[in-house]
Amino acid sequence: MSKFELSPDGLIQTIRSSSSELVWPLLGATLVFCCIATRIISGIQSRVGDQPGQSQSIRTVPYWFPWLGHSISFMWNHVKFTEKARDYMNAPVFAIYMGGTRHNTIVSPSMIKSVMVSRVTTSVPRLKRAFKAFGDGVGVLGNLNTVDYQVFHHKLPNLLMQEPFITEVSTVTTQLLKRDVPNFVTFCRSVVDQTLWERGSDVDVVDDNCDKLACEVNLFALVRGFIGNITTTALMGQAILEAFPNLLDDVWTLDNRFPLMMMGIPRWTPIPGVSAAYASRERLLNSLATYHQAFLQWDDGVDPGVKFRDLEDVSEPLKQRIRTSKSLGLSPRSSASGHLSLLWAMNVNSSNIAFWHLVHLYADPTLLKEIREEISPYVKAHRPSREETGFPFQEPPRISIDLEGLLKFCLLLKASFYETLRLDTADMSFRELTSDLTITESNKDATISDLATPRTYQVRKGESVILHHGVLQNDSQYFSNPGQFDPLRFIVTDPETGGKKADMHTVHPFGGGMSGCKGRAFAERQLLAFTAATISMWDIEPMDGNRFEIPRHRQSSGAYLPEKDIRVRIVARV
């Protein structure tokens, strides 16, 4: 029997060995059990009944993972996820669970509107997280006192949507477009001789014995760089891009992973692109702090150095922003995160939308022809002849732009722009309630849902709300054939006057709220002028000579990115 006996040490060793072998199976079984239990409990809670005629409870979509909840599905494709959640819950308001927080999600146009105009909502918590992602790690900009906060985050941004800024920036932008659209591609083979926006688009000059030279380029990179240069110059002046020619490249790198940075994902996380985004943010903050300090010196009459010798062309809202930062005692580095938020917001959506708008127009030759005819009285591209100039060589092309005429009379151009916003943006607005709020859908929305009585929901103080505009923009109940590009859906007739106009309906591409996006008026004017000038000056076709294939969407922080760039051939029309 002795040979079967174990010493105390041997018994302990056997128990330890057996325990170590069981740790991972036990851990796995525990996790599976937690996930199943979470799904069962959340599923039961989601089926809680409502009493007709009373305020309905906001039910939570069932989920599998504790704490994470719907985070992974939402991040992967928030539009598809929200559409499926709406259909599963069969409700215009439902809750999703992410990162330990419940978010009430609204997908009814009338309810979204009522929340957007409500005075009991705030975006302050969201704004603080955004500034932290932009580099305000210690919360200097997010924790200003009430008066200073109102000045810095509301009064100053409101300048972007008021006169005289709108008129002034429109004039500046038009002049920049008149100067630069003829140089959209310069046909320079050497990167050194190319413009900033050409250098990242892999330009290849083609001379195939035709009358005109052609350029083969990556269209998205070209358009994004061009719009970025125009926007940044109009807002911050020419000197900043001359001093920091890679500034916009860092903005694009930051934007690629900005949603993850908003969630607080640290730099060391092994996710492709996160570390590069943090590095780009650091370079951007250093550049903008240097720019801020140079402006203060220039404003005080001190020579800021060769790079920033002329800062007169900085827009007035940005001048006021820097002066206010100084009066509030903010250092250049502390102010830099605020400048970065503005630089990012004014560039990333506009550049993406400009690309999609061009692609949709060039993909439809009939529509392109109609819009060219519509804008022809207001945008004219021409090349002066040798007889006109008296020079023995050919002059570069020129373009004239009547922006007010475009805005007032070119309904099809505007409607195609709004249709691009509907199809190629999927924005959301985030709010937190400062008081209880009761929201009721309109009779029209109830009728669309085949209900006799509109539904009413009670949202409690302190709860988070997501207004998902992107889901509505692809809802067949509100837009017939939502996957089809049809600008005519945005041209409406005034029942009183019989006049026609382009109306955006329920599309909110630049954010929402009582004041809306601060730069939306500037963005619309700029992008309409850019599109009109580009299609007047240039012919663009795919490399294979066939019709354009619209690229698939890739998720971003605002307007969609293309899944991959498209290679095109560009030839001057004049």
Foldseek 3Di string as FASTA:
>chain_A
DVVPDDDPVRVVVVVVVVVVVCVVVVVVVVQQVQQVVQQVVLVVQQPDDADPPDAGAAREQGARHPQQWCVVVCVQPVQVVVVVSCVVSVDQWHWTHHRNAIAIEGAFLQLLVVVQADPQKDCLVLVQLLLVLLPLVVSPLSPDPPVLVCCQVPVLLLVLQDPPQLVQLLVLLQVVCQVPLLPLPVLDPDLVPHDLQQNVFPWDWDCPPDPFIKIKTQLLSSLLSVQLQSQCCSAFNDLLCVVPVCLVVLLVLLQFCSVVSSVVDDLPPPDPSSVSNVVSSVVQLVSQLLSLVLVVCVVVVHQSDDSPRDRPSHRPSVVVSSVSCVVVVHHSSSCSSVVSVVSNLRRDLLSQLLSLLLQVLQLDVVLLVVLLVQCVVFKAKDWDDCVRVVDPDTGRIGMGGDLVCCQPRRQLLLLLSLLSLLQFKWDKAKIAGQAKDKGWHDPVSCVLSVHPGIHIHIDGHGHMYIHTLNNNSQDCSNPPPSVDRDSVVQWDADPPPRDIHGHNPSRQQSYGHSSHHSNPSVSSSSSSRNSNNNSNWKNKQAPVRDRRDNADFDDTNIGTDGPDTGIIMITTPD
